[in-house]
Amino acid sequence: MAYVITQACCNDASCVATCPVNCIHPTPEEAQFATTEMLYIEPDTCIDCGACVDACPVAAIFPDDQLSESDARYADINAGYYDKYPLQEGWKPLKPTEAKRTDLGTLRVAIVGAGPAACYAAEELLIHSDVEVEMFEKLPTPWGLIRAGVAPDHPGTKVIAEAFDWTAAKDVFQFHLGVEIGEHLSHEDLMANHHAVIYAVGASSDRRLGIPGEDLPGSHAATEFVAWYNGHPDHAHTQFDLSGERAVIVGNGNVALDVARVLTMDVDELAKTDIADHALEALRHSNIREVVLLGRRGPAQAAYSTPEFLALGDLAGVDVVVDPAELALDEATDSQLARGELEPSTAFKVQLAREFSERTADPTHKRIVFRYLASPTAVLGTDHVEAVTVVRNDLVAGENGVLGARPTGDTENVPTSLVLRSIGYRGVPVPGVPFDERRGTIPNDHGRVLAHPDGAVVDGVYATGWIKRGPSGVIGTNKSCAKDTVARLFEDFQAGRLVRPVGSRKELTKLVGQRQPGRIDYRGWQAIDAVERARGAATGRPRVKITDVAEMLAAAKTRRRLPLVSR
């Protein structure tokens, strides 16, 4: 028997360090780790010890003889990775880092943001002794995209937030929730009270299409839709037109697939999740029966991951529809596929698309339709979205060899009343902090912030996560990213570049109290969490999210009646 990694894999590589026989790859030290969709277990080397199961924070690993029917293909997916990347001799498993003393006094670090990137950075910092961490988040709730981005029907992925509770409960860690940098505190305030500041603010904006009609009513960013159904307080009152029978999503990454699932899956199944109540009610009255996803390139270049694409085939009452005529590969990719030279995940994407194209759709089912080699050129309508003009593309190799989409002039109008663009996230500037407008990131060198993209290092200022590297990778990718940034921070501290007088925790807490009396600490978040879970328990759901900030503040005040959790 061997163990198998399945869809929920978060890529944080906790399992890698525990494997005694080096059978889980790619590791953070290997080049493939930067782009991998998931991790894989080599079946012939696995000794069935189960250490990886205990280490996995999202319960994604199972014995091969206990896989569910929907997960059965992951045995082949895991094994297939090693056909291209056989195990190499000489690699040693990672060992947990031991706490180190700095001998330079207490290091005070501010982290801006409270999502996975921020929490992994805090976790990495607190491996060391003599470190205090203050975490600032503009929302009254922590966990970033785990709470406001992960689809409600993926509860296993959300479980990783429970691991962050261990860091949040430490005496040397302190939450400042509901505190926005640039409004309540400035960058200069943070620098005056900390030796270093790490920005882990993610990429909260979206990329635009730049086509006529993009701003018509009925045309939205998918990021808004995701925030809406996940109960983000800034989007709780956004209205989406679900009166038509078709929605068009521009893009075919994992976010696009999440949106397509939420729009088509059984509402009674969604009612068992933590989806926001207002979204659940709207979806109960939705008329949408077909979701069309437009991808500008072919199935081999599709942005979605193999696990997410595969999982669509298990949606009850929903057919995945692919036109066989749109599956023709470019000559180079076709040759690579025939010779077995494509990346395993890419080859499997092509295989899956072909399998979906061979299925016969049930006319009584809802449909998720994948359109490859298709780009929007205009959103049509007078005072509301009525259709999207779509152009057929050819794939053409650029000077660097990368295949790009070139419009052919062959167009059609696709009727719809709802358009959601899902072509990527983009960071937004933080007042007082350098920003690269072209890339939508904070300019940096391995996490050390630069004055401008080619400029000098700004002492004491760092970045991690999407604001550092752009919107790439999955939740666990942020772990190695944070490790990289924190390593640079400690190099600078040991070199004496961060040793200067700064304010104490007591002084900072006083300042925050003056600027933002509504600040919420860890016990306040525990109180909000307890209220949400209690409401969920009453209805058979994991939680019922509070979406109103004033209500969150009221719930946080009940913390006086809650015992402080110590871990």
Protein backbone atom coordinates (compact mmCIF):
# COMPACT_ATOMS: atom_id res chain seq x y z
CA MET A 1 0.00 0.00 0.00
CA ALA A 2 1.15 3.57 -0.72
CA TYR A 3 -0.21 6.93 0.29
CA VAL A 4 -1.66 9.35 -2.28
CA ILE A 5 -1.94 13.16 -2.27
CA THR A 6 -5.31 14.40 -3.54
CA GLN A 7 -7.07 17.58 -4.62
CA ALA A 8 -6.92 19.50 -1.34
CA CYS A 9 -3.08 19.68 -1.39
CA CYS A 10 -1.99 23.10 -0.13
CA ASN A 11 1.70 22.84 -1.18
CA ASP A 12 3.05 24.07 2.15
CA ALA A 13 5.45 21.09 2.18
CA SER A 14 4.87 20.14 5.82
CA CYS A 15 4.68 16.54 4.62
CA VAL A 16 8.08 16.75 2.91
CA ALA A 17 9.97 17.30 6.13
CA THR A 18 8.40 14.29 7.83
CA CYS A 19 8.97 11.71 5.06
CA PRO A 20 11.81 9.36 6.12
CA VAL A 21 12.41 7.98 2.61
CA ASN A 22 12.32 11.11 0.41
CA CYS A 23 9.27 10.08 -1.60
CA ILE A 24 7.34 13.40 -1.65
CA HIS A 25 8.22 15.90 -4.37
CA PRO A 26 8.80 18.51 -5.59
CA THR A 27 10.43 19.91 -2.48
CA PRO A 28 10.95 23.64 -1.83
CA GLU A 29 14.58 23.15 -2.91
CA GLU A 30 13.64 21.83 -6.34
CA ALA A 31 12.94 24.04 -9.37
CA GLN A 32 9.57 22.39 -10.04
CA PHE A 33 8.23 23.56 -6.66
CA ALA A 34 7.77 27.14 -7.94
CA THR A 35 5.19 26.08 -10.54
CA THR A 36 3.77 22.78 -9.31
CA GLU A 37 0.02 22.41 -8.90
CA MET A 38 0.42 19.99 -6.00
CA LEU A 39 2.89 17.61 -4.37
CA TYR A 40 3.21 13.94 -5.32
CA ILE A 41 4.12 10.70 -3.52
CA GLU A 42 6.26 8.15 -5.35
CA PRO A 43 4.29 4.89 -4.84
CA ASP A 44 7.17 2.42 -5.13
CA THR A 45 9.28 4.22 -2.52
CA CYS A 46 6.50 4.97 0.00
CA ILE A 47 6.88 2.72 3.06
CA ASP A 48 3.34 3.23 4.36
CA CYS A 49 4.50 4.91 7.57
CA GLY A 50 1.74 7.53 7.60
CA ALA A 51 3.99 10.35 8.82
CA CYS A 52 2.82 12.57 5.97
CA VAL A 53 -0.83 12.05 6.94
CA ASP A 54 -0.19 13.41 10.43
CA ALA A 55 1.76 16.39 9.04
CA CYS A 56 -0.74 17.39 6.35
CA PRO A 57 -2.63 20.52 7.53
CA VAL A 58 -5.54 20.02 5.11
CA ALA A 59 -6.17 16.24 5.27
CA ALA A 60 -5.28 15.70 1.60
CA ILE A 61 -3.37 12.39 1.95
CA PHE A 62 -4.98 8.94 1.93
CA PRO A 63 -3.92 5.29 1.53
CA ASP A 64 -4.38 4.18 -2.07
CA ASP A 65 -6.83 1.46 -1.01
CA GLN A 66 -9.04 4.02 0.77
CA LEU A 67 -9.45 6.56 -2.03
CA SER A 68 -12.99 7.63 -2.81
CA GLU A 69 -14.31 7.04 -6.31
CA SER A 70 -13.77 10.70 -7.23
CA ASP A 71 -10.18 10.62 -5.92
CA ALA A 72 -9.18 7.31 -7.50
CA ARG A 73 -7.35 8.94 -10.40
CA TYR A 74 -4.94 10.67 -8.03
CA ALA A 75 -3.07 7.38 -7.66
CA ASP A 76 -2.17 7.64 -11.35
CA ILE A 77 -1.53 11.39 -11.11
CA ASN A 78 0.95 10.88 -8.25
CA ALA A 79 2.74 8.05 -10.01
CA GLY A 80 2.73 9.88 -13.36
CA TYR A 81 4.80 12.75 -11.97
CA TYR A 82 7.73 10.39 -11.45
CA ASP A 83 7.66 9.19 -15.04
CA LYS A 84 9.07 12.61 -15.93
CA TYR A 85 10.91 13.37 -12.69
CA PRO A 86 12.39 10.14 -11.29
CA LEU A 87 13.65 10.22 -7.71
CA GLN A 88 17.24 11.41 -7.35
CA GLU A 89 19.82 10.08 -4.94
CA GLY A 90 21.35 12.15 -2.19
CA TRP A 91 18.50 14.42 -1.12
CA LYS A 92 17.91 14.67 2.62
CA PRO A 93 14.56 15.51 4.20
CA LEU A 94 14.11 18.95 5.69
CA LYS A 95 14.61 19.25 9.43
CA PRO A 96 12.59 21.60 11.64
CA THR A 97 14.45 24.80 12.36
CA GLU A 98 15.52 25.12 15.97
CA ALA A 99 14.89 28.34 17.88
CA LYS A 100 17.88 30.67 17.69
CA ARG A 101 18.90 33.48 19.97
CA THR A 102 19.78 36.74 18.29
CA ASP A 103 21.86 38.12 21.20
CA LEU A 104 20.94 41.58 19.97
CA GLY A 105 17.94 42.16 22.20
CA THR A 106 14.27 41.73 21.34
CA LEU A 107 13.45 42.08 17.66
CA ARG A 108 10.10 43.78 17.09
CA VAL A 109 8.44 43.09 13.72
CA ALA A 110 5.19 44.45 12.29
CA ILE A 111 3.35 42.39 9.69
CA VAL A 112 0.71 44.14 7.59
CA GLY A 113 -1.95 41.69 6.47
CA ALA A 114 -3.39 38.61 8.16
CA GLY A 115 -3.69 36.10 5.34
CA PRO A 116 -1.60 32.97 4.73
CA ALA A 117 1.49 34.91 3.61
CA ALA A 118 1.39 37.01 6.78
CA CYS A 119 0.74 34.06 9.07
CA TYR A 120 3.52 31.95 7.58
CA ALA A 121 5.87 34.90 8.07
CA ALA A 122 4.83 35.19 11.72
CA GLU A 123 5.29 31.46 12.19
CA GLU A 124 8.78 31.64 10.69
CA LEU A 125 9.74 34.66 12.81
CA LEU A 126 8.59 33.04 16.04
CA ILE A 127 10.76 29.99 15.49
CA HIS A 128 13.42 32.32 16.86
CA SER A 129 13.50 33.48 20.44
CA ASP A 130 13.52 37.15 21.45
CA VAL A 131 11.04 38.18 18.75
CA GLU A 132 7.76 40.05 19.14
CA VAL A 133 5.27 40.19 16.27
CA GLU A 134 2.45 42.69 15.82
CA MET A 135 0.02 41.87 12.99
CA PHE A 136 -2.21 44.55 11.43
CA GLU A 137 -5.30 43.83 9.33
CA LYS A 138 -7.86 46.36 8.09
CA LEU A 139 -10.74 43.88 8.43
CA PRO A 140 -12.09 42.84 11.85
CA THR A 141 -11.32 39.21 10.91
CA PRO A 142 -8.04 37.43 10.07
CA TRP A 143 -6.95 34.75 7.55
CA GLY A 144 -7.28 36.78 4.33
CA LEU A 145 -8.20 34.68 1.29
CA ILE A 146 -8.71 31.57 3.42
CA ARG A 147 -11.82 33.29 4.75
CA ALA A 148 -12.69 35.61 1.86
CA GLY A 149 -11.28 33.79 -1.19
CA VAL A 150 -11.46 30.00 -0.82
CA ALA A 151 -14.70 28.67 -2.28
CA PRO A 152 -17.26 27.59 0.35
CA ASP A 153 -17.43 24.06 -1.06
CA HIS A 154 -13.70 23.57 -0.29
CA PRO A 155 -13.84 23.31 3.52
CA GLY A 156 -10.71 21.15 3.63
CA THR A 157 -8.61 24.04 2.33
CA LYS A 158 -9.94 26.36 5.03
CA VAL A 159 -8.76 23.99 7.78
CA ILE A 160 -5.24 25.34 7.41
CA ALA A 161 -6.33 28.43 9.36
CA GLU A 162 -6.51 26.25 12.47
CA ALA A 163 -2.73 25.81 12.27
CA PHE A 164 -2.30 29.59 12.39
CA ASP A 165 -4.20 29.70 15.68
CA TRP A 166 -1.13 28.23 17.34
CA THR A 167 0.88 31.29 16.37
CA ALA A 168 -1.89 33.75 17.20
CA ALA A 169 -2.21 32.42 20.75
CA LYS A 170 1.45 33.02 21.66
CA ASP A 171 2.22 35.75 24.18
CA VAL A 172 4.82 37.26 21.84
CA PHE A 173 2.22 37.68 19.08
CA GLN A 174 -0.52 40.33 18.99
CA PHE A 175 -3.38 40.98 16.57
CA HIS A 176 -4.52 44.48 15.63
CA LEU A 177 -7.63 43.70 13.59
CA GLY A 178 -9.72 46.51 12.13
CA VAL A 179 -6.60 48.68 11.88
CA GLU A 180 -5.77 50.00 8.41
CA ILE A 181 -2.28 51.19 7.52
CA GLY A 182 -2.62 54.48 5.69
CA GLU A 183 -5.71 55.45 7.67
CA HIS A 184 -5.32 54.62 11.35
CA LEU A 185 -1.54 54.23 11.35
CA SER A 186 1.09 55.29 8.83
CA HIS A 187 4.10 53.42 7.54
CA GLU A 188 6.20 55.86 9.57
CA ASP A 189 4.26 54.89 12.73
CA LEU A 190 5.11 51.25 12.12
CA MET A 191 8.79 52.00 11.58
CA ALA A 192 8.92 54.06 14.77
CA ASN A 193 7.63 51.14 16.80
CA HIS A 194 9.33 48.18 15.10
CA HIS A 195 12.76 47.20 13.88
CA ALA A 196 11.25 45.80 10.69
CA VAL A 197 7.95 45.83 8.80
CA ILE A 198 6.79 43.01 6.52
CA TYR A 199 4.06 43.82 4.00
CA ALA A 200 1.88 40.81 3.23
CA VAL A 201 -1.13 42.66 1.84
CA GLY A 202 -1.80 40.36 -1.09
CA ALA A 203 -3.31 41.48 -4.38
CA SER A 204 -6.77 42.81 -3.67
CA SER A 205 -7.57 44.42 -7.01
CA ASP A 206 -8.25 42.85 -10.41
CA ARG A 207 -6.88 43.23 -13.90
CA ARG A 208 -9.14 44.88 -16.47
CA LEU A 209 -10.04 43.70 -19.96
CA GLY A 210 -9.65 47.10 -21.62
CA ILE A 211 -12.55 46.53 -24.04
CA PRO A 212 -15.68 48.59 -24.86
CA GLY A 213 -18.64 48.02 -22.55
CA GLU A 214 -16.55 46.61 -19.70
CA ASP A 215 -18.19 48.95 -17.19
CA LEU A 216 -21.82 48.28 -18.19
CA PRO A 217 -24.13 47.20 -15.37
CA GLY A 218 -23.95 43.41 -15.23
CA SER A 219 -20.20 43.36 -15.87
CA HIS A 220 -18.08 42.77 -12.78
CA ALA A 221 -14.72 41.56 -11.57
CA ALA A 222 -14.79 37.94 -10.44
CA THR A 223 -12.93 39.12 -7.32
CA GLU A 224 -16.09 41.04 -6.33
CA PHE A 225 -18.27 37.99 -6.86
CA VAL A 226 -15.93 35.81 -4.79
CA ALA A 227 -15.86 38.38 -1.99
CA TRP A 228 -19.68 38.61 -2.17
CA TYR A 229 -20.36 34.90 -1.74
CA ASN A 230 -17.67 34.61 0.93
CA GLY A 231 -19.19 37.36 3.08
CA HIS A 232 -16.55 40.08 2.77
CA PRO A 233 -18.14 43.11 4.51
CA ASP A 234 -17.11 45.49 1.69
CA HIS A 235 -19.14 43.46 -0.82
CA ALA A 236 -22.07 42.18 1.24
CA HIS A 237 -24.49 44.56 -0.48
CA THR A 238 -23.23 44.18 -4.05
CA GLN A 239 -25.95 43.12 -6.49
CA PHE A 240 -25.40 40.59 -9.28
CA ASP A 241 -27.93 39.98 -12.04
CA LEU A 242 -28.76 36.27 -11.92
CA SER A 243 -32.00 36.64 -13.89
CA GLY A 244 -30.62 35.37 -17.20
CA GLU A 245 -29.89 31.76 -18.12
CA ARG A 246 -26.25 32.29 -19.11
CA ALA A 247 -23.20 33.83 -17.43
CA VAL A 248 -19.89 34.42 -19.20
CA ILE A 249 -16.62 34.27 -17.30
CA VAL A 250 -13.55 35.71 -19.02
CA GLY A 251 -10.61 33.56 -17.96
CA ASN A 252 -10.23 29.92 -16.98
CA GLY A 253 -8.04 29.90 -13.89
CA ASN A 254 -9.02 28.31 -10.59
CA VAL A 255 -10.96 31.38 -9.49
CA ALA A 256 -13.03 31.17 -12.68
CA LEU A 257 -13.74 27.51 -11.95
CA ASP A 258 -14.75 28.36 -8.38
CA VAL A 259 -17.23 30.93 -9.65
CA ALA A 260 -18.61 28.53 -12.27
CA ARG A 261 -19.19 25.87 -9.60
CA VAL A 262 -20.92 28.25 -7.21
CA LEU A 263 -23.21 29.46 -10.02
CA THR A 264 -24.24 25.95 -11.09
CA MET A 265 -24.02 23.56 -8.15
CA ASP A 266 -26.98 22.36 -6.09
CA VAL A 267 -27.99 25.18 -3.75
CA ASP A 268 -28.91 22.65 -1.07
CA GLU A 269 -25.30 21.49 -1.11
CA LEU A 270 -24.09 25.08 -0.81
CA ALA A 271 -26.44 25.49 2.16
CA LYS A 272 -24.22 23.05 4.09
CA THR A 273 -21.19 25.34 3.72
CA ASP A 274 -20.15 28.70 5.16
CA ILE A 275 -21.32 30.64 2.10
CA ALA A 276 -22.73 34.05 3.05
CA ASP A 277 -26.46 34.03 3.73
CA HIS A 278 -27.19 36.84 1.27
CA ALA A 279 -25.41 34.91 -1.52
CA LEU A 280 -27.22 31.69 -0.65
CA GLU A 281 -30.58 33.44 -0.85
CA ALA A 282 -29.73 35.06 -4.21
CA LEU A 283 -28.52 31.76 -5.67
CA ARG A 284 -31.75 30.04 -4.61
CA HIS A 285 -33.56 32.36 -7.01
CA SER A 286 -30.93 32.28 -9.76
CA ASN A 287 -32.03 31.44 -13.32
CA ILE A 288 -28.52 30.69 -14.56
CA ARG A 289 -28.24 27.28 -16.20
CA GLU A 290 -25.11 27.71 -18.29
CA VAL A 291 -21.71 29.23 -17.51
CA VAL A 292 -19.32 29.82 -20.41
CA LEU A 293 -15.60 30.21 -19.64
CA LEU A 294 -13.48 31.98 -22.25
CA GLY A 295 -9.80 31.03 -22.42
CA ARG A 296 -7.64 32.93 -24.87
CA ARG A 297 -5.29 29.98 -25.43
CA GLY A 298 -5.73 26.23 -25.84
CA PRO A 299 -6.33 23.38 -23.38
CA ALA A 300 -2.60 22.80 -22.92
CA GLN A 301 -2.12 26.41 -21.75
CA ALA A 302 -5.28 26.66 -19.60
CA ALA A 303 -4.69 28.42 -16.29
CA TYR A 304 -6.77 26.08 -14.11
CA SER A 305 -5.05 23.32 -12.16
CA THR A 306 -5.57 19.65 -12.92
CA PRO A 307 -7.27 18.89 -9.56
CA GLU A 308 -9.82 21.67 -9.96
CA PHE A 309 -10.61 20.70 -13.58
CA LEU A 310 -10.95 17.03 -12.66
CA ALA A 311 -13.31 17.82 -9.75
CA LEU A 312 -15.81 19.53 -12.07
CA GLY A 313 -16.70 16.13 -13.47
CA ASP A 314 -18.15 15.12 -10.09
CA LEU A 315 -20.67 17.95 -9.79
CA ALA A 316 -24.15 16.47 -9.47
CA GLY A 317 -26.57 17.72 -12.11
CA VAL A 318 -23.89 19.66 -13.98
CA ASP A 319 -22.26 18.72 -17.29
CA VAL A 320 -18.83 19.90 -18.39
CA VAL A 321 -19.06 20.69 -22.10
CA VAL A 322 -16.09 20.98 -24.46
CA ASP A 323 -16.37 21.31 -28.23
CA PRO A 324 -13.99 18.74 -29.84
CA ALA A 325 -13.33 21.24 -32.64
CA GLU A 326 -11.63 23.58 -30.13
CA LEU A 327 -9.18 20.98 -28.83
CA ALA A 328 -6.70 20.98 -31.69
CA LEU A 329 -3.19 21.55 -30.32
CA ASP A 330 -0.51 23.66 -31.91
CA GLU A 331 2.14 21.66 -33.76
CA ALA A 332 4.86 22.05 -31.12
CA THR A 333 2.63 21.03 -28.19
CA ASP A 334 1.17 18.13 -30.17
CA SER A 335 4.68 16.83 -30.90
CA GLN A 336 5.70 17.17 -27.24
CA LEU A 337 2.58 15.30 -26.15
CA ALA A 338 3.28 12.48 -28.61
CA ARG A 339 6.88 12.15 -27.38
CA GLY A 340 5.87 12.27 -23.71
CA GLU A 341 7.77 15.52 -23.13
CA LEU A 342 4.91 17.66 -21.78
CA GLU A 343 4.72 18.40 -18.08
CA PRO A 344 2.58 15.63 -16.50
CA SER A 345 -0.04 18.10 -15.32
CA THR A 346 -0.29 19.69 -18.78
CA ALA A 347 -0.64 16.33 -20.51
CA PHE A 348 -3.37 15.35 -18.06
CA LYS A 349 -5.25 18.62 -18.67
CA VAL A 350 -5.33 17.84 -22.40
CA GLN A 351 -6.46 14.27 -21.69
CA LEU A 352 -9.24 15.48 -19.39
CA ALA A 353 -10.47 18.07 -21.90
CA ARG A 354 -10.70 15.33 -24.51
CA GLU A 355 -12.59 13.08 -22.11
CA PHE A 356 -15.07 15.84 -21.33
CA SER A 357 -15.55 16.48 -25.05
CA GLU A 358 -16.62 12.86 -25.56
CA ARG A 359 -19.40 12.99 -22.97
CA THR A 360 -23.01 13.43 -23.97
CA ALA A 361 -24.66 16.32 -22.17
CA ASP A 362 -27.97 15.75 -20.38
CA PRO A 363 -30.43 18.46 -21.48
CA THR A 364 -31.91 18.53 -17.97
CA HIS A 365 -28.55 19.41 -16.41
CA LYS A 366 -26.86 22.75 -15.95
CA ARG A 367 -23.71 23.24 -18.03
CA ILE A 368 -20.18 24.57 -17.61
CA VAL A 369 -18.90 25.24 -21.12
CA PHE A 370 -15.17 25.65 -21.81
CA ARG A 371 -14.36 27.76 -24.86
CA TYR A 372 -10.68 27.60 -25.80
CA LEU A 373 -8.86 29.99 -28.16
CA ALA A 374 -11.56 32.59 -27.49
CA SER A 375 -11.23 36.22 -26.31
CA PRO A 376 -13.82 38.95 -25.69
CA THR A 377 -13.51 42.07 -27.81
CA ALA A 378 -16.55 43.98 -26.51
CA VAL A 379 -19.35 43.79 -23.97
CA LEU A 380 -22.59 44.74 -25.72
CA GLY A 381 -25.68 46.41 -24.32
CA THR A 382 -27.50 49.73 -23.99
CA ASP A 383 -27.96 50.19 -20.25
CA HIS A 384 -27.10 46.63 -19.20
CA VAL A 385 -25.02 43.71 -20.45
CA GLU A 386 -26.78 41.89 -23.27
CA ALA A 387 -23.99 39.95 -25.01
CA VAL A 388 -20.24 39.53 -25.40
CA THR A 389 -18.44 39.67 -28.73
CA VAL A 390 -15.94 36.81 -28.87
CA VAL A 391 -13.10 36.41 -31.37
CA ARG A 392 -11.47 33.12 -32.31
CA ASN A 393 -7.69 33.01 -31.75
CA ASP A 394 -4.74 31.20 -33.26
CA LEU A 395 -1.69 30.27 -31.21
CA VAL A 396 1.51 31.90 -32.42
CA ALA A 397 5.00 31.52 -30.97
CA GLY A 398 6.61 34.79 -29.95
CA GLU A 399 10.30 35.68 -30.09
CA ASN A 400 10.85 34.00 -26.73
CA GLY A 401 9.11 30.83 -27.92
CA VAL A 402 6.08 31.33 -25.68
CA LEU A 403 2.78 30.68 -27.42
CA GLY A 404 0.48 33.69 -27.53
CA ALA A 405 -3.08 34.24 -28.76
CA ARG A 406 -3.58 36.07 -32.05
CA PRO A 407 -7.14 37.05 -33.09
CA THR A 408 -8.29 35.66 -36.42
CA GLY A 409 -11.17 38.00 -37.24
CA ASP A 410 -13.70 35.18 -36.81
CA THR A 411 -16.20 36.60 -34.28
CA GLU A 412 -19.57 35.78 -32.73
CA ASN A 413 -21.89 37.36 -30.19
CA VAL A 414 -22.67 35.29 -27.09
CA PRO A 415 -25.91 36.46 -25.40
CA THR A 416 -25.61 36.92 -21.62
CA SER A 417 -26.76 39.22 -18.83
CA LEU A 418 -23.77 38.62 -16.52
CA VAL A 419 -20.07 38.96 -17.34
CA LEU A 420 -17.37 38.26 -14.78
CA ARG A 421 -13.75 38.99 -15.65
CA SER A 422 -11.26 36.63 -14.03
CA ILE A 423 -7.94 37.41 -15.67
CA GLY A 424 -5.79 37.90 -12.61
CA TYR A 425 -5.35 39.74 -9.33
CA ARG A 426 -3.28 42.87 -8.90
CA GLY A 427 -1.74 44.52 -5.87
CA VAL A 428 -2.56 48.06 -4.79
CA PRO A 429 -0.16 50.63 -3.29
CA VAL A 430 0.27 51.10 0.45
CA PRO A 431 0.76 54.78 1.39
CA GLY A 432 4.41 55.51 2.07
CA VAL A 433 5.68 52.23 0.57
CA PRO A 434 7.34 51.86 -2.88
CA PHE A 435 5.14 50.31 -5.56
CA ASP A 436 5.77 48.94 -9.03
CA GLU A 437 2.79 50.08 -11.13
CA ARG A 438 3.73 47.86 -14.06
CA ARG A 439 3.78 44.61 -12.10
CA GLY A 440 1.31 45.57 -9.39
CA THR A 441 3.74 44.55 -6.64
CA ILE A 442 6.08 46.10 -4.09
CA PRO A 443 9.53 46.12 -5.76
CA ASN A 444 11.85 43.80 -3.88
CA ASP A 445 14.91 41.60 -3.98
CA HIS A 446 14.04 38.26 -2.34
CA GLY A 447 11.71 40.13 0.00
CA ARG A 448 13.90 43.14 0.74
CA VAL A 449 11.90 46.15 -0.46
CA LEU A 450 13.57 48.40 -3.02
CA ALA A 451 13.07 52.14 -3.47
CA HIS A 452 12.00 51.38 -7.07
CA PRO A 453 12.33 48.30 -9.33
CA ASP A 454 16.04 48.94 -9.99
CA GLY A 455 16.67 50.91 -6.82
CA ALA A 456 18.48 50.50 -3.53
CA VAL A 457 17.23 48.44 -0.60
CA VAL A 458 14.98 50.26 1.86
CA ASP A 459 16.32 49.23 5.27
CA GLY A 460 13.86 47.50 7.55
CA VAL A 461 11.05 47.06 5.00
CA TYR A 462 10.14 43.65 3.53
CA ALA A 463 7.43 41.97 1.47
CA THR A 464 6.04 38.47 1.16
CA GLY A 465 3.20 36.70 -0.62
CA TRP A 466 1.42 38.01 -3.71
CA ILE A 467 2.48 41.61 -3.11
CA LYS A 468 6.06 40.32 -3.33
CA ARG A 469 5.93 37.87 -6.25
CA GLY A 470 2.61 38.58 -7.99
CA PRO A 471 -0.56 36.43 -7.87
CA SER A 472 0.97 32.99 -8.35
CA GLY A 473 0.96 29.71 -6.48
CA VAL A 474 -1.46 28.32 -3.92
CA ILE A 475 -1.83 28.82 -0.18
CA GLY A 476 1.15 26.66 0.76
CA THR A 477 3.43 28.41 -1.73
CA ASN A 478 3.44 31.31 0.71
CA LYS A 479 5.30 29.21 3.27
CA SER A 480 8.53 28.99 1.27
CA CYS A 481 8.03 32.60 0.14
CA ALA A 482 7.80 33.76 3.78
CA LYS A 483 10.81 31.65 4.73
CA ASP A 484 12.83 33.39 2.02
CA THR A 485 11.80 36.87 3.21
CA VAL A 486 12.33 36.17 6.92
CA ALA A 487 15.78 34.72 6.22
CA ARG A 488 16.77 38.08 4.68
CA LEU A 489 15.29 39.95 7.60
CA PHE A 490 17.36 37.96 10.10
CA GLU A 491 20.49 38.40 7.98
CA ASP A 492 19.97 42.15 8.22
CA PHE A 493 19.29 42.00 11.96
CA GLN A 494 22.39 39.93 12.67
CA ALA A 495 24.42 42.34 10.53
CA GLY A 496 23.27 45.19 12.77
CA ARG A 497 21.25 47.00 10.09
CA LEU A 498 18.01 46.85 12.11
CA VAL A 499 19.34 47.65 15.56
CA ARG A 500 17.88 51.01 16.62
CA PRO A 501 15.62 52.31 19.38
CA VAL A 502 11.93 51.64 18.76
CA GLY A 503 8.72 51.92 20.73
CA SER A 504 7.55 49.11 23.02
CA ARG A 505 4.41 46.99 22.74
CA LYS A 506 2.83 49.07 25.53
CA GLU A 507 3.51 52.31 23.65
CA LEU A 508 2.19 50.84 20.39
CA THR A 509 -0.99 49.55 22.02
CA LYS A 510 -1.63 53.02 23.45
CA LEU A 511 -1.12 54.62 20.04
CA VAL A 512 -3.44 52.15 18.29
CA GLY A 513 -6.10 52.70 20.99
CA GLN A 514 -6.00 56.44 20.34
CA ARG A 515 -6.19 56.11 16.56
CA GLN A 516 -8.63 53.18 16.34
CA PRO A 517 -10.69 52.54 19.49
CA GLY A 518 -12.48 49.74 17.61
CA ARG A 519 -9.33 47.66 17.29
CA ILE A 520 -9.92 43.92 17.85
CA ASP A 521 -7.37 41.61 19.45
CA TYR A 522 -7.07 37.83 19.33
CA ARG A 523 -9.66 37.27 22.05
CA GLY A 524 -12.01 39.57 20.17
CA TRP A 525 -11.57 37.46 17.05
CA GLN A 526 -12.18 34.32 19.14
CA ALA A 527 -15.48 35.86 20.23
CA ILE A 528 -16.53 36.60 16.63
CA ASP A 529 -15.50 33.09 15.64
CA ALA A 530 -17.51 31.59 18.50
CA VAL A 531 -20.66 33.52 17.52
CA GLU A 532 -20.35 32.46 13.87
CA ARG A 533 -19.77 28.81 14.77
CA ALA A 534 -22.70 28.82 17.20
CA ARG A 535 -25.01 30.21 14.53
CA GLY A 536 -23.73 27.57 12.13
CA ALA A 537 -24.27 24.74 14.59
CA ALA A 538 -27.90 25.76 14.95
CA THR A 539 -28.41 25.24 11.21
CA GLY A 540 -26.06 22.32 10.50
CA ARG A 541 -23.35 24.49 8.94
CA PRO A 542 -19.69 25.05 9.87
CA ARG A 543 -20.43 28.72 10.54
CA VAL A 544 -22.76 31.54 9.56
CA LYS A 545 -20.56 34.49 8.75
CA ILE A 546 -21.15 37.94 10.14
CA THR A 547 -20.90 40.38 7.23
CA ASP A 548 -21.58 43.68 9.02
CA VAL A 549 -18.62 45.40 10.67
CA ALA A 550 -20.72 46.93 13.47
CA GLU A 551 -22.09 43.49 14.29
CA MET A 552 -18.56 42.09 14.32
CA LEU A 553 -17.48 44.77 16.78
CA ALA A 554 -20.44 43.95 19.02
CA ALA A 555 -19.59 40.24 18.90
CA ALA A 556 -15.94 40.98 19.72
CA LYS A 557 -16.98 42.69 22.95
CA THR A 558 -18.27 39.38 24.28
CA ARG A 559 -14.62 38.31 24.66
CA ARG A 560 -14.77 39.18 28.35
CA ARG A 561 -16.99 36.14 28.83
CA LEU A 562 -14.65 33.82 26.94
CA PRO A 563 -11.67 32.05 28.51
CA LEU A 564 -8.32 32.81 26.85
CA VAL A 565 -7.29 29.76 24.85
CA SER A 566 -3.73 28.72 25.63
CA ARG A 567 -1.86 26.35 23.35
